[in-house]
Amino acid sequence: MSNRLEAVQKLADNLFGTLHGLNLPEVICDHGEGIYLFDQNGKRYMDFSGGPHVVSIGHGNQRVREAMLAQMEKVSFFFRSFWLSEPLVALAERIIKVSPPNFTLCQFCNSGSEANETAIKIARQYHVERGKPEKYLVIGRWQGYHGMTLGALSASGYTVRRSKFEPLLHQWPKIGAPLCYRCPYELSYPSCNIKCAQALEEIINQVDAQYVSAFIAESIGGAGTAGM
């Protein structure tokens, strides 16, 4: 084991909340290029996960690096309550241009968990503002995963990640995942008549539509199902 690796592993005792468990990794991520990551010895690895499934433009992308540097040389942070940002406004405009016609507003967040928390709060605020504060339930899917913050985890049906925090979570209703490979309703497509979609209507009727605020779902199942 190299002195560099030993030194980093000792410092890793200061880290909290890592995903590797008790056994520390025996490689240091030194740098990345495109779809590859390189360890401390220069060995190359293909990054099949794309980071946490979000590094879609590759590591060390020169255009991104140059754009980040140019912005940081101007200003790296400001409080959006008091200032407008030309790059932010321009990005929102570009996103809206390639979005479906009914998507006309952008809300920028730091993570998927934060984005889902914000979506849940926006749905709640919408109902309160229109005089229906009784609408608070967020229907999710079993095996769905929307983040590790308490609201996002409440909407998730990923039992392994929920288990330690159950007393803190909202017990919002869930329906089965749309997973033909292992159908939760033990049916087969197309004779099932898309039971997984019908289940949403059924549970809305069960809990009473007047209390339902939103339904949250992944267009492509990630951590929980890895299926479309």
Foldseek 3Di string as FASTA:
>chain_A
DDPVQVVVVVVCVPDPDDDPPPDDDSWAFDFWFFQWTATPVRDIDGNPCCVVVPVPGTGPPPVVVVVQVVVVVVPDDDDVVPDDDPVVVVVLVVVCVPDPVVDNDDDDDDDQLVVVVVVLVVLQVVCVVVPQNLARAEEAAALAARDLDQARVLRYNDCVSCVVPVVPHDVHHYAYDQDQVDGPVPDHPPVCVSVSVVVVVVVCVVVPVSHHRYYDGDPAGDPRHRGD
